Amino acid sequence: MPDTQISEAPAIFRGMLRDIVACRDYAEVCRMLKLVPASAEVDLIEHHKSHARIRGLDPVADEALTHAEIAADVIYRLTHMHDHDQDDDGSARAMFRVVSRTTVAMVLGHLIEQGLLEVAE
């Protein structure tokens, strides 16, 4: 039996989801994940906070994303180190890069927003 229960999502979950899902798709993704929709006022606030978090990364984005790509390569190699007889899977490598870049940007954005990490000017 499919799970049809709608659930509340913690604010940090909603914020991270908002940061990685395109604005135009956010409401639909929330529906697909069976999340209780935010009120129009809360949704607008969350939307603006997400854009502010993303802008907050601007000073360190290039360096952070370069590190994320290196981390993706390390993780890809570790998870595929026993695949000696198989060709390099370019699409899997690309997915590792997307996940790594997205995760790094999302986490850094939230840490900066919370004041736990400061970005030098």
PDB file of N, CA and C in Angstrom:
ATOM      1  N   MET A   1       0.842  -1.181   0.000  1.00  0.00           N
ATOM      2  CA  MET A   1       0.000   0.000   0.000  1.00  0.00           C
ATOM      3  C   MET A   1       0.890   1.248   0.000  1.00  0.00           C
ATOM      4  N   PRO A   2       0.682   2.178  -0.937  1.00  0.00           N
ATOM      5  CA  PRO A   2       1.518   3.379  -1.000  1.00  0.00           C
ATOM      6  C   PRO A   2       1.265   4.287   0.199  1.00  0.00           C
ATOM      7  N   ASP A   3       2.321   4.983   0.600  1.00  0.00           N
ATOM      8  CA  ASP A   3       2.231   5.912   1.717  1.00  0.00           C
ATOM      9  C   ASP A   3       1.626   7.214   1.209  1.00  0.00           C
ATOM     10  N   THR A   4       0.420   7.528   1.672  1.00  0.00           N
ATOM     11  CA  THR A   4      -0.256   8.740   1.215  1.00  0.00           C
ATOM     12  C   THR A   4      -0.307   9.803   2.298  1.00  0.00           C
ATOM     13  N   GLN A   5       0.344   9.552   3.407  1.00  0.00           N
ATOM     14  CA  GLN A   5       0.324  10.484   4.526  1.00  0.00           C
ATOM     15  C   GLN A   5       1.139  11.733   4.197  1.00  0.00           C
ATOM     16  N   ILE A   6       0.545  12.885   4.459  1.00  0.00           N
ATOM     17  CA  ILE A   6       1.239  14.155   4.277  1.00  0.00           C
ATOM     18  C   ILE A   6       1.972  14.466   5.566  1.00  0.00           C
ATOM     19  N   SER A   7       3.221  14.931   5.440  1.00  0.00           N
ATOM     20  CA  SER A   7       4.012  15.168   6.642  1.00  0.00           C
ATOM     21  C   SER A   7       4.558  16.582   6.688  1.00  0.00           C
ATOM     22  N   GLU A   8       4.816  17.011   7.908  1.00  0.00           N
ATOM     23  CA  GLU A   8       5.482  18.287   8.145  1.00  0.00           C
ATOM     24  C   GLU A   8       6.974  18.071   7.925  1.00  0.00           C
ATOM     25  N   ALA A   9       7.627  19.011   7.337  1.00  0.00           N
ATOM     26  CA  ALA A   9       9.072  18.921   7.155  1.00  0.00           C
ATOM     27  C   ALA A   9       9.728  19.952   8.059  1.00  0.00           C
ATOM     28  N   PRO A  10      10.817  19.568   8.724  1.00  0.00           N
ATOM     29  CA  PRO A  10      11.540  20.567   9.524  1.00  0.00           C
ATOM     30  C   PRO A  10      11.996  21.722   8.634  1.00  0.00           C
ATOM     31  N   ALA A  11      12.130  22.881   9.236  1.00  0.00           N
ATOM     32  CA  ALA A  11      12.496  24.083   8.474  1.00  0.00           C
ATOM     33  C   ALA A  11      13.790  23.892   7.699  1.00  0.00           C
ATOM     34  N   ILE A  12      14.772  23.230   8.295  1.00  0.00           N
ATOM     35  CA  ILE A  12      16.050  23.061   7.591  1.00  0.00           C
ATOM     36  C   ILE A  12      15.871  22.176   6.355  1.00  0.00           C
ATOM     37  N   PHE A  13      15.027  21.166   6.444  1.00  0.00           N
ATOM     38  CA  PHE A  13      14.752  20.309   5.292  1.00  0.00           C
ATOM     39  C   PHE A  13      14.105  21.127   4.182  1.00  0.00           C
ATOM     40  N   ARG A  14      13.095  21.908   4.538  1.00  0.00           N
ATOM     41  CA  ARG A  14      12.399  22.720   3.534  1.00  0.00           C
ATOM     42  C   ARG A  14      13.371  23.720   2.912  1.00  0.00           C
ATOM     43  N   GLY A  15      14.240  24.311   3.728  1.00  0.00           N
ATOM     44  CA  GLY A  15      15.190  25.278   3.202  1.00  0.00           C
ATOM     45  C   GLY A  15      16.170  24.646   2.229  1.00  0.00           C
ATOM     46  N   MET A  16      16.682  23.472   2.596  1.00  0.00           N
ATOM     47  CA  MET A  16      17.625  22.790   1.703  1.00  0.00           C
ATOM     48  C   MET A  16      16.927  22.340   0.422  1.00  0.00           C
ATOM     49  N   LEU A  17      15.707  21.855   0.566  1.00  0.00           N
ATOM     50  CA  LEU A  17      14.946  21.462  -0.618  1.00  0.00           C
ATOM     51  C   LEU A  17      14.726  22.673  -1.517  1.00  0.00           C
ATOM     52  N   ARG A  18      14.366  23.778  -0.915  1.00  0.00           N
ATOM     53  CA  ARG A  18      14.137  25.016  -1.671  1.00  0.00           C
ATOM     54  C   ARG A  18      15.413  25.440  -2.399  1.00  0.00           C
ATOM     55  N   ASP A  19      16.572  25.240  -1.758  1.00  0.00           N
ATOM     56  CA  ASP A  19      17.840  25.660  -2.356  1.00  0.00           C
ATOM     57  C   ASP A  19      18.215  24.844  -3.598  1.00  0.00           C
ATOM     58  N   ILE A  20      17.744  23.608  -3.694  1.00  0.00           N
ATOM     59  CA  ILE A  20      18.180  22.777  -4.825  1.00  0.00           C
ATOM     60  C   ILE A  20      17.120  22.542  -5.890  1.00  0.00           C
ATOM     61  N   VAL A  21      15.883  22.883  -5.592  1.00  0.00           N
ATOM     62  CA  VAL A  21      14.808  22.685  -6.568  1.00  0.00           C
ATOM     63  C   VAL A  21      14.500  24.026  -7.230  1.00  0.00           C
ATOM     64  N   ALA A  22      14.353  24.013  -8.534  1.00  0.00           N
ATOM     65  CA  ALA A  22      14.023  25.248  -9.254  1.00  0.00           C
ATOM     66  C   ALA A  22      12.737  25.848  -8.691  1.00  0.00           C
ATOM     67  N   CYS A  23      12.703  27.162  -8.591  1.00  0.00           N
ATOM     68  CA  CYS A  23      11.557  27.862  -7.998  1.00  0.00           C
ATOM     69  C   CYS A  23      10.238  27.417  -8.621  1.00  0.00           C
ATOM     70  N   ARG A  24      10.207  27.313  -9.930  1.00  0.00           N
ATOM     71  CA  ARG A  24       8.961  26.960 -10.614  1.00  0.00           C
ATOM     72  C   ARG A  24       8.497  25.541 -10.303  1.00  0.00           C
ATOM     73  N   ASP A  25       9.411  24.675  -9.843  1.00  0.00           N
ATOM     74  CA  ASP A  25       9.072  23.276  -9.571  1.00  0.00           C
ATOM     75  C   ASP A  25       8.871  22.974  -8.098  1.00  0.00           C
ATOM     76  N   TYR A  26       9.137  23.939  -7.235  1.00  0.00           N
ATOM     77  CA  TYR A  26       9.171  23.677  -5.797  1.00  0.00           C
ATOM     78  C   TYR A  26       7.837  23.155  -5.257  1.00  0.00           C
ATOM     79  N   ALA A  27       6.733  23.803  -5.570  1.00  0.00           N
ATOM     80  CA  ALA A  27       5.425  23.374  -5.047  1.00  0.00           C
ATOM     81  C   ALA A  27       5.104  21.948  -5.493  1.00  0.00           C
ATOM     82  N   GLU A  28       5.402  21.633  -6.738  1.00  0.00           N
ATOM     83  CA  GLU A  28       5.129  20.286  -7.260  1.00  0.00           C
ATOM     84  C   GLU A  28       6.005  19.241  -6.573  1.00  0.00           C
ATOM     85  N   VAL A  29       7.275  19.561  -6.344  1.00  0.00           N
ATOM     86  CA  VAL A  29       8.171  18.624  -5.655  1.00  0.00           C
ATOM     87  C   VAL A  29       7.676  18.397  -4.229  1.00  0.00           C
ATOM     88  N   CYS A  30       7.253  19.451  -3.547  1.00  0.00           N
ATOM     89  CA  CYS A  30       6.704  19.292  -2.193  1.00  0.00           C
ATOM     90  C   CYS A  30       5.483  18.372  -2.216  1.00  0.00           C
ATOM     91  N   ARG A  31       4.629  18.555  -3.210  1.00  0.00           N
ATOM     92  CA  ARG A  31       3.449  17.695  -3.335  1.00  0.00           C
ATOM     93  C   ARG A  31       3.878  16.251  -3.553  1.00  0.00           C
ATOM     94  N   MET A  32       4.857  16.030  -4.427  1.00  0.00           N
ATOM     95  CA  MET A  32       5.331  14.674  -4.715  1.00  0.00           C
ATOM     96  C   MET A  32       5.953  14.027  -3.478  1.00  0.00           C
ATOM     97  N   LEU A  33       6.587  14.845  -2.621  1.00  0.00           N
ATOM     98  CA  LEU A  33       7.199  14.341  -1.395  1.00  0.00           C
ATOM     99  C   LEU A  33       6.194  14.267  -0.239  1.00  0.00           C
ATOM    100  N   LYS A  34       4.955  14.647  -0.540  1.00  0.00           N
ATOM    101  CA  LYS A  34       3.870  14.617   0.444  1.00  0.00           C
ATOM    102  C   LYS A  34       4.153  15.514   1.653  1.00  0.00           C
ATOM    103  N   LEU A  35       4.673  16.691   1.377  1.00  0.00           N
ATOM    104  CA  LEU A  35       4.944  17.659   2.430  1.00  0.00           C
ATOM    105  C   LEU A  35       3.765  18.609   2.566  1.00  0.00           C
ATOM    106  N   VAL A  36       3.473  18.990   3.784  1.00  0.00           N
ATOM    107  CA  VAL A  36       2.417  19.964   4.028  1.00  0.00           C
ATOM    108  C   VAL A  36       2.850  21.278   3.385  1.00  0.00           C
ATOM    109  N   PRO A  37       2.017  21.841   2.509  1.00  0.00           N
ATOM    110  CA  PRO A  37       2.425  23.092   1.866  1.00  0.00           C
ATOM    111  C   PRO A  37       2.500  24.240   2.872  1.00  0.00           C
ATOM    112  N   ALA A  38       3.450  25.107   2.659  1.00  0.00           N
ATOM    113  CA  ALA A  38       3.578  26.297   3.498  1.00  0.00           C
ATOM    114  C   ALA A  38       2.504  27.294   3.099  1.00  0.00           C
ATOM    115  N   SER A  39       2.152  28.157   4.033  1.00  0.00           N
ATOM    116  CA  SER A  39       1.221  29.232   3.691  1.00  0.00           C
ATOM    117  C   SER A  39       1.898  30.131   2.664  1.00  0.00           C
ATOM    118  N   ALA A  40       1.108  30.951   2.001  1.00  0.00           N
ATOM    119  CA  ALA A  40       1.665  31.851   0.977  1.00  0.00           C
ATOM    120  C   ALA A  40       2.713  32.782   1.585  1.00  0.00           C
ATOM    121  N   GLU A  41       2.452  33.276   2.804  1.00  0.00           N
ATOM    122  CA  GLU A  41       3.409  34.182   3.457  1.00  0.00           C
ATOM    123  C   GLU A  41       4.720  33.469   3.787  1.00  0.00           C
ATOM    124  N   VAL A  42       4.622  32.271   4.369  1.00  0.00           N
ATOM    125  CA  VAL A  42       5.815  31.495   4.725  1.00  0.00           C
ATOM    126  C   VAL A  42       6.573  31.095   3.459  1.00  0.00           C
ATOM    127  N   ASP A  43       5.837  30.711   2.433  1.00  0.00           N
ATOM    128  CA  ASP A  43       6.463  30.311   1.172  1.00  0.00           C
ATOM    129  C   ASP A  43       7.286  31.465   0.591  1.00  0.00           C
ATOM    130  N   LEU A  44       6.744  32.663   0.629  1.00  0.00           N
ATOM    131  CA  LEU A  44       7.455  33.830   0.097  1.00  0.00           C
ATOM    132  C   LEU A  44       8.718  34.109   0.921  1.00  0.00           C
ATOM    133  N   ILE A  45       8.616  34.008   2.234  1.00  0.00           N
ATOM    134  CA  ILE A  45       9.780  34.220   3.099  1.00  0.00           C
ATOM    135  C   ILE A  45      10.854  33.168   2.811  1.00  0.00           C
ATOM    136  N   GLU A  46      10.440  31.891   2.739  1.00  0.00           N
ATOM    137  CA  GLU A  46      11.395  30.817   2.448  1.00  0.00           C
ATOM    138  C   GLU A  46      12.051  31.019   1.091  1.00  0.00           C
ATOM    139  N   HIS A  47      11.279  31.473   0.123  1.00  0.00           N
ATOM    140  CA  HIS A  47      11.793  31.732  -1.226  1.00  0.00           C
ATOM    141  C   HIS A  47      12.892  32.791  -1.184  1.00  0.00           C
ATOM    142  N   HIS A  48      12.627  33.897  -0.517  1.00  0.00           N
ATOM    143  CA  HIS A  48      13.612  34.987  -0.434  1.00  0.00           C
ATOM    144  C   HIS A  48      14.847  34.560   0.369  1.00  0.00           C
ATOM    145  N   LYS A  49      14.644  33.803   1.448  1.00  0.00           N
ATOM    146  CA  LYS A  49      15.781  33.340   2.246  1.00  0.00           C
ATOM    147  C   LYS A  49      16.677  32.411   1.422  1.00  0.00           C
ATOM    148  N   SER A  50      16.079  31.587   0.583  1.00  0.00           N
ATOM    149  CA  SER A  50      16.860  30.689  -0.267  1.00  0.00           C
ATOM    150  C   SER A  50      17.731  31.481  -1.232  1.00  0.00           C
ATOM    151  N   HIS A  51      17.151  32.492  -1.863  1.00  0.00           N
ATOM    152  CA  HIS A  51      17.935  33.312  -2.790  1.00  0.00           C
ATOM    153  C   HIS A  51      19.058  34.050  -2.060  1.00  0.00           C
ATOM    154  N   ALA A  52      18.785  34.494  -0.833  1.00  0.00           N
ATOM    155  CA  ALA A  52      19.819  35.169  -0.044  1.00  0.00           C
ATOM    156  C   ALA A  52      20.945  34.199   0.309  1.00  0.00           C
ATOM    157  N   ARG A  53      20.601  32.949   0.660  1.00  0.00           N
ATOM    158  CA  ARG A  53      21.641  31.954   0.962  1.00  0.00           C
ATOM    159  C   ARG A  53      22.516  31.710  -0.264  1.00  0.00           C
ATOM    160  N   ILE A  54      21.892  31.580  -1.403  1.00  0.00           N
ATOM    161  CA  ILE A  54      22.638  31.310  -2.638  1.00  0.00           C
ATOM    162  C   ILE A  54      23.549  32.497  -2.965  1.00  0.00           C
ATOM    163  N   ARG A  55      23.038  33.732  -2.830  1.00  0.00           N
ATOM    164  CA  ARG A  55      23.861  34.931  -3.061  1.00  0.00           C
ATOM    165  C   ARG A  55      25.000  35.017  -2.049  1.00  0.00           C
ATOM    166  N   GLY A  56      24.770  34.549  -0.835  1.00  0.00           N
ATOM    167  CA  GLY A  56      25.795  34.585   0.205  1.00  0.00           C
ATOM    168  C   GLY A  56      27.020  33.750  -0.130  1.00  0.00           C
ATOM    169  N   LEU A  57      26.861  32.817  -1.045  1.00  0.00           N
ATOM    170  CA  LEU A  57      27.983  31.972  -1.473  1.00  0.00           C
ATOM    171  C   LEU A  57      28.851  32.615  -2.544  1.00  0.00           C
ATOM    172  N   ASP A  58      28.366  33.677  -3.142  1.00  0.00           N
ATOM    173  CA  ASP A  58      29.078  34.279  -4.280  1.00  0.00           C
ATOM    174  C   ASP A  58      30.575  34.486  -4.046  1.00  0.00           C
ATOM    175  N   PRO A  59      30.987  35.023  -2.892  1.00  0.00           N
ATOM    176  CA  PRO A  59      32.426  35.282  -2.722  1.00  0.00           C
ATOM    177  C   PRO A  59      33.289  34.016  -2.713  1.00  0.00           C
ATOM    178  N   VAL A  60      32.713  32.885  -2.360  1.00  0.00           N
ATOM    179  CA  VAL A  60      33.512  31.656  -2.254  1.00  0.00           C
ATOM    180  C   VAL A  60      33.046  30.559  -3.211  1.00  0.00           C
ATOM    181  N   ALA A  61      32.099  30.878  -4.067  1.00  0.00           N
ATOM    182  CA  ALA A  61      31.489  29.843  -4.916  1.00  0.00           C
ATOM    183  C   ALA A  61      32.508  29.109  -5.777  1.00  0.00           C
ATOM    184  N   ASP A  62      33.367  29.823  -6.462  1.00  0.00           N
ATOM    185  CA  ASP A  62      34.327  29.162  -7.352  1.00  0.00           C
ATOM    186  C   ASP A  62      35.216  28.188  -6.589  1.00  0.00           C
ATOM    187  N   GLU A  63      35.763  28.653  -5.477  1.00  0.00           N
ATOM    188  CA  GLU A  63      36.658  27.799  -4.683  1.00  0.00           C
ATOM    189  C   GLU A  63      35.901  26.627  -4.062  1.00  0.00           C
ATOM    190  N   ALA A  64      34.711  26.898  -3.528  1.00  0.00           N
ATOM    191  CA  ALA A  64      33.921  25.835  -2.892  1.00  0.00           C
ATOM    192  C   ALA A  64      33.524  24.770  -3.908  1.00  0.00           C
ATOM    193  N   LEU A  65      33.111  25.195  -5.091  1.00  0.00           N
ATOM    194  CA  LEU A  65      32.676  24.225  -6.097  1.00  0.00           C
ATOM    195  C   LEU A  65      33.846  23.457  -6.696  1.00  0.00           C
ATOM    196  N   THR A  66      35.019  24.086  -6.756  1.00  0.00           N
ATOM    197  CA  THR A  66      36.222  23.360  -7.186  1.00  0.00           C
ATOM    198  C   THR A  66      36.542  22.256  -6.189  1.00  0.00           C
ATOM    199  N   HIS A  67      36.467  22.576  -4.900  1.00  0.00           N
ATOM    200  CA  HIS A  67      36.692  21.560  -3.874  1.00  0.00           C
ATOM    201  C   HIS A  67      35.626  20.466  -3.943  1.00  0.00           C
ATOM    202  N   ALA A  68      34.387  20.855  -4.223  1.00  0.00           N
ATOM    203  CA  ALA A  68      33.304  19.870  -4.334  1.00  0.00           C
ATOM    204  C   ALA A  68      33.573  18.900  -5.476  1.00  0.00           C
ATOM    205  N   GLU A  69      34.105  19.405  -6.581  1.00  0.00           N
ATOM    206  CA  GLU A  69      34.405  18.522  -7.716  1.00  0.00           C
ATOM    207  C   GLU A  69      35.537  17.558  -7.388  1.00  0.00           C
ATOM    208  N   ILE A  70      36.527  18.031  -6.661  1.00  0.00           N
ATOM    209  CA  ILE A  70      37.620  17.150  -6.236  1.00  0.00           C
ATOM    210  C   ILE A  70      37.074  16.085  -5.283  1.00  0.00           C
ATOM    211  N   ALA A  71      36.222  16.510  -4.343  1.00  0.00           N
ATOM    212  CA  ALA A  71      35.608  15.553  -3.418  1.00  0.00           C
ATOM    213  C   ALA A  71      34.783  14.516  -4.186  1.00  0.00           C
ATOM    214  N   ALA A  72      34.079  14.957  -5.211  1.00  0.00           N
ATOM    215  CA  ALA A  72      33.283  14.023  -6.021  1.00  0.00           C
ATOM    216  C   ALA A  72      34.181  12.983  -6.680  1.00  0.00           C
ATOM    217  N   ASP A  73      35.338  13.417  -7.174  1.00  0.00           N
ATOM    218  CA  ASP A  73      36.268  12.487  -7.806  1.00  0.00           C
ATOM    219  C   ASP A  73      36.808  11.483  -6.782  1.00  0.00           C
ATOM    220  N   VAL A  74      37.141  11.971  -5.590  1.00  0.00           N
ATOM    221  CA  VAL A  74      37.625  11.079  -4.532  1.00  0.00           C
ATOM    222  C   VAL A  74      36.560  10.036  -4.196  1.00  0.00           C
ATOM    223  N   ILE A  75      35.329  10.494  -3.987  1.00  0.00           N
ATOM    224  CA  ILE A  75      34.246   9.568  -3.620  1.00  0.00           C
ATOM    225  C   ILE A  75      33.951   8.595  -4.756  1.00  0.00           C
ATOM    226  N   TYR A  76      33.943   9.096  -5.991  1.00  0.00           N
ATOM    227  CA  TYR A  76      33.709   8.207  -7.141  1.00  0.00           C
ATOM    228  C   TYR A  76      34.772   7.114  -7.178  1.00  0.00           C
ATOM    229  N   ARG A  77      36.026   7.513  -7.056  1.00  0.00           N
ATOM    230  CA  ARG A  77      37.114   6.524  -7.129  1.00  0.00           C
ATOM    231  C   ARG A  77      37.026   5.513  -5.984  1.00  0.00           C
ATOM    232  N   LEU A  78      36.717   5.982  -4.787  1.00  0.00           N
ATOM    233  CA  LEU A  78      36.594   5.064  -3.647  1.00  0.00           C
ATOM    234  C   LEU A  78      35.454   4.060  -3.844  1.00  0.00           C
ATOM    235  N   THR A  79      34.353   4.542  -4.384  1.00  0.00           N
ATOM    236  CA  THR A  79      33.204   3.647  -4.556  1.00  0.00           C
ATOM    237  C   THR A  79      33.337   2.741  -5.777  1.00  0.00           C
ATOM    238  N   HIS A  80      34.308   3.012  -6.626  1.00  0.00           N
ATOM    239  CA  HIS A  80      34.499   2.193  -7.833  1.00  0.00           C
ATOM    240  C   HIS A  80      35.890   1.553  -7.891  1.00  0.00           C
ATOM    241  N   MET A  81      36.610   1.518  -6.772  1.00  0.00           N
ATOM    242  CA  MET A  81      37.997   1.048  -6.822  1.00  0.00           C
ATOM    243  C   MET A  81      38.122  -0.445  -7.128  1.00  0.00           C
ATOM    244  N   HIS A  82      37.055  -1.202  -7.001  1.00  0.00           N
ATOM    245  CA  HIS A  82      37.123  -2.627  -7.313  1.00  0.00           C
ATOM    246  C   HIS A  82      36.592  -2.940  -8.710  1.00  0.00           C
ATOM    247  N   ASP A  83      36.281  -1.914  -9.475  1.00  0.00           N
ATOM    248  CA  ASP A  83      35.762  -2.091 -10.833  1.00  0.00           C
ATOM    249  C   ASP A  83      36.890  -1.992 -11.857  1.00  0.00           C
ATOM    250  N   HIS A  84      37.967  -2.737 -11.637  1.00  0.00           N
ATOM    251  CA  HIS A  84      39.150  -2.645 -12.506  1.00  0.00           C
ATOM    252  C   HIS A  84      38.857  -3.019 -13.947  1.00  0.00           C
ATOM    253  N   ASP A  85      37.963  -3.952 -14.147  1.00  0.00           N
ATOM    254  CA  ASP A  85      37.726  -4.459 -15.495  1.00  0.00           C
ATOM    255  C   ASP A  85      36.617  -3.703 -16.232  1.00  0.00           C
ATOM    256  N   GLN A  86      36.083  -2.648 -15.632  1.00  0.00           N
ATOM    257  CA  GLN A  86      35.001  -1.909 -16.275  1.00  0.00           C
ATOM    258  C   GLN A  86      35.501  -0.544 -16.746  1.00  0.00           C
ATOM    259  N   ASP A  87      34.906  -0.088 -17.830  1.00  0.00           N
ATOM    260  CA  ASP A  87      35.244   1.244 -18.348  1.00  0.00           C
ATOM    261  C   ASP A  87      34.754   2.319 -17.383  1.00  0.00           C
ATOM    262  N   ASP A  88      35.402   3.462 -17.451  1.00  0.00           N
ATOM    263  CA  ASP A  88      34.995   4.609 -16.646  1.00  0.00           C
ATOM    264  C   ASP A  88      33.575   5.000 -17.036  1.00  0.00           C
ATOM    265  N   ASP A  89      32.707   5.174 -16.062  1.00  0.00           N
ATOM    266  CA  ASP A  89      31.310   5.534 -16.307  1.00  0.00           C
ATOM    267  C   ASP A  89      31.159   7.049 -16.195  1.00  0.00           C
ATOM    268  N   GLY A  90      31.220   7.715 -17.329  1.00  0.00           N
ATOM    269  CA  GLY A  90      31.142   9.177 -17.352  1.00  0.00           C
ATOM    270  C   GLY A  90      29.860   9.725 -16.762  1.00  0.00           C
ATOM    271  N   SER A  91      28.744   9.048 -16.974  1.00  0.00           N
ATOM    272  CA  SER A  91      27.481   9.552 -16.433  1.00  0.00           C
ATOM    273  C   SER A  91      27.452   9.420 -14.914  1.00  0.00           C
ATOM    274  N   ALA A  92      28.036   8.348 -14.376  1.00  0.00           N
ATOM    275  CA  ALA A  92      28.104   8.199 -12.919  1.00  0.00           C
ATOM    276  C   ALA A  92      29.017   9.266 -12.326  1.00  0.00           C
ATOM    277  N   ARG A  93      30.143   9.516 -12.978  1.00  0.00           N
ATOM    278  CA  ARG A  93      31.046  10.576 -12.511  1.00  0.00           C
ATOM    279  C   ARG A  93      30.327  11.921 -12.500  1.00  0.00           C
ATOM    280  N   ALA A  94      29.564  12.190 -13.540  1.00  0.00           N
ATOM    281  CA  ALA A  94      28.828  13.451 -13.625  1.00  0.00           C
ATOM    282  C   ALA A  94      27.808  13.562 -12.497  1.00  0.00           C
ATOM    283  N   MET A  95      27.139  12.476 -12.172  1.00  0.00           N
ATOM    284  CA  MET A  95      26.160  12.498 -11.090  1.00  0.00           C
ATOM    285  C   MET A  95      26.845  12.756  -9.745  1.00  0.00           C
ATOM    286  N   PHE A  96      28.009  12.150  -9.528  1.00  0.00           N
ATOM    287  CA  PHE A  96      28.761  12.408  -8.301  1.00  0.00           C
ATOM    288  C   PHE A  96      29.106  13.900  -8.207  1.00  0.00           C
ATOM    289  N   ARG A  97      29.491  14.522  -9.335  1.00  0.00           N
ATOM    290  CA  ARG A  97      29.814  15.949  -9.332  1.00  0.00           C
ATOM    291  C   ARG A  97      28.588  16.790  -8.991  1.00  0.00           C
ATOM    292  N   VAL A  98      27.456  16.461  -9.588  1.00  0.00           N
ATOM    293  CA  VAL A  98      26.225  17.214  -9.320  1.00  0.00           C
ATOM    294  C   VAL A  98      25.851  17.111  -7.846  1.00  0.00           C
ATOM    295  N   VAL A  99      25.865  15.902  -7.317  1.00  0.00           N
ATOM    296  CA  VAL A  99      25.498  15.702  -5.913  1.00  0.00           C
ATOM    297  C   VAL A  99      26.481  16.421  -4.990  1.00  0.00           C
ATOM    298  N   SER A 100      27.765  16.311  -5.275  1.00  0.00           N
ATOM    299  CA  SER A 100      28.769  16.943  -4.436  1.00  0.00           C
ATOM    300  C   SER A 100      28.650  18.467  -4.472  1.00  0.00           C
ATOM    301  N   ARG A 101      28.537  19.030  -5.651  1.00  0.00           N
ATOM    302  CA  ARG A 101      28.426  20.488  -5.790  1.00  0.00           C
ATOM    303  C   ARG A 101      27.170  21.002  -5.092  1.00  0.00           C
ATOM    304  N   THR A 102      26.073  20.302  -5.286  1.00  0.00           N
ATOM    305  CA  THR A 102      24.808  20.707  -4.674  1.00  0.00           C
ATOM    306  C   THR A 102      24.891  20.643  -3.156  1.00  0.00           C
ATOM    307  N   THR A 103      25.459  19.566  -2.649  1.00  0.00           N
ATOM    308  CA  THR A 103      25.567  19.393  -1.196  1.00  0.00           C
ATOM    309  C   THR A 103      26.456  20.460  -0.581  1.00  0.00           C
ATOM    310  N   VAL A 104      27.605  20.693  -1.177  1.00  0.00           N
ATOM    311  CA  VAL A 104      28.528  21.702  -0.644  1.00  0.00           C
ATOM    312  C   VAL A 104      27.859  23.078  -0.633  1.00  0.00           C
ATOM    313  N   ALA A 105      27.234  23.460  -1.722  1.00  0.00           N
ATOM    314  CA  ALA A 105      26.585  24.775  -1.796  1.00  0.00           C
ATOM    315  C   ALA A 105      25.462  24.886  -0.769  1.00  0.00           C
ATOM    316  N   MET A 106      24.673  23.846  -0.639  1.00  0.00           N
ATOM    317  CA  MET A 106      23.549  23.847   0.289  1.00  0.00           C
ATOM    318  C   MET A 106      24.027  23.986   1.734  1.00  0.00           C
ATOM    319  N   VAL A 107      24.997  23.172   2.121  1.00  0.00           N
ATOM    320  CA  VAL A 107      25.493  23.185   3.499  1.00  0.00           C
ATOM    321  C   VAL A 107      26.187  24.513   3.810  1.00  0.00           C
ATOM    322  N   LEU A 108      27.064  24.962   2.924  1.00  0.00           N
ATOM    323  CA  LEU A 108      27.747  26.234   3.164  1.00  0.00           C
ATOM    324  C   LEU A 108      26.756  27.395   3.270  1.00  0.00           C
ATOM    325  N   GLY A 109      25.762  27.407   2.402  1.00  0.00           N
ATOM    326  CA  GLY A 109      24.751  28.460   2.443  1.00  0.00           C
ATOM    327  C   GLY A 109      24.039  28.516   3.781  1.00  0.00           C
ATOM    328  N   HIS A 110      23.697  27.360   4.312  1.00  0.00           N
ATOM    329  CA  HIS A 110      23.004  27.316   5.602  1.00  0.00           C
ATOM    330  C   HIS A 110      23.928  27.707   6.756  1.00  0.00           C
ATOM    331  N   LEU A 111      25.185  27.273   6.710  1.00  0.00           N
ATOM    332  CA  LEU A 111      26.134  27.631   7.775  1.00  0.00           C
ATOM    333  C   LEU A 111      26.412  29.136   7.776  1.00  0.00           C
ATOM    334  N   ILE A 112      26.524  29.720   6.598  1.00  0.00           N
ATOM    335  CA  ILE A 112      26.732  31.164   6.490  1.00  0.00           C
ATOM    336  C   ILE A 112      25.499  31.897   7.030  1.00  0.00           C
ATOM    337  N   GLU A 113      24.314  31.451   6.627  1.00  0.00           N
ATOM    338  CA  GLU A 113      23.071  32.079   7.077  1.00  0.00           C
ATOM    339  C   GLU A 113      22.941  32.029   8.606  1.00  0.00           C
ATOM    340  N   GLN A 114      23.349  30.934   9.202  1.00  0.00           N
ATOM    341  CA  GLN A 114      23.241  30.768  10.660  1.00  0.00           C
ATOM    342  C   GLN A 114      24.348  31.495  11.423  1.00  0.00           C
ATOM    343  N   GLY A 115      25.308  32.065  10.697  1.00  0.00           N
ATOM    344  CA  GLY A 115      26.397  32.775  11.339  1.00  0.00           C
ATOM    345  C   GLY A 115      27.472  31.844  11.895  1.00  0.00           C
ATOM    346  N   LEU A 116      27.417  30.573  11.517  1.00  0.00           N
ATOM    347  CA  LEU A 116      28.405  29.606  11.991  1.00  0.00           C
ATOM    348  C   LEU A 116      29.656  29.611  11.133  1.00  0.00           C
ATOM    349  N   LEU A 117      29.578  30.245   9.992  1.00  0.00           N
ATOM    350  CA  LEU A 117      30.689  30.323   9.054  1.00  0.00           C
ATOM    351  C   LEU A 117      30.681  31.733   8.478  1.00  0.00           C
ATOM    352  N   GLU A 118      31.823  32.375   8.510  1.00  0.00           N
ATOM    353  CA  GLU A 118      31.928  33.724   7.956  1.00  0.00           C
ATOM    354  C   GLU A 118      32.738  33.679   6.675  1.00  0.00           C
ATOM    355  N   VAL A 119      32.304  34.466   5.717  1.00  0.00           N
ATOM    356  CA  VAL A 119      32.994  34.562   4.435  1.00  0.00           C
ATOM    357  C   VAL A 119      33.790  35.849   4.421  1.00  0.00           C
ATOM    358  N   ALA A 120      35.082  35.724   4.179  1.00  0.00           N
ATOM    359  CA  ALA A 120      35.946  36.905   4.115  1.00  0.00           C
ATOM    360  C   ALA A 120      35.618  37.699   2.863  1.00  0.00           C
ATOM    361  N   GLU A 121      35.633  38.983   2.985  1.00  0.00           N
ATOM    362  CA  GLU A 121      35.351  39.860   1.835  1.00  0.00           C
ATOM    363  C   GLU A 121      36.525  39.958   0.919  1.00  0.00           C
TER     364      GLU A 121
END
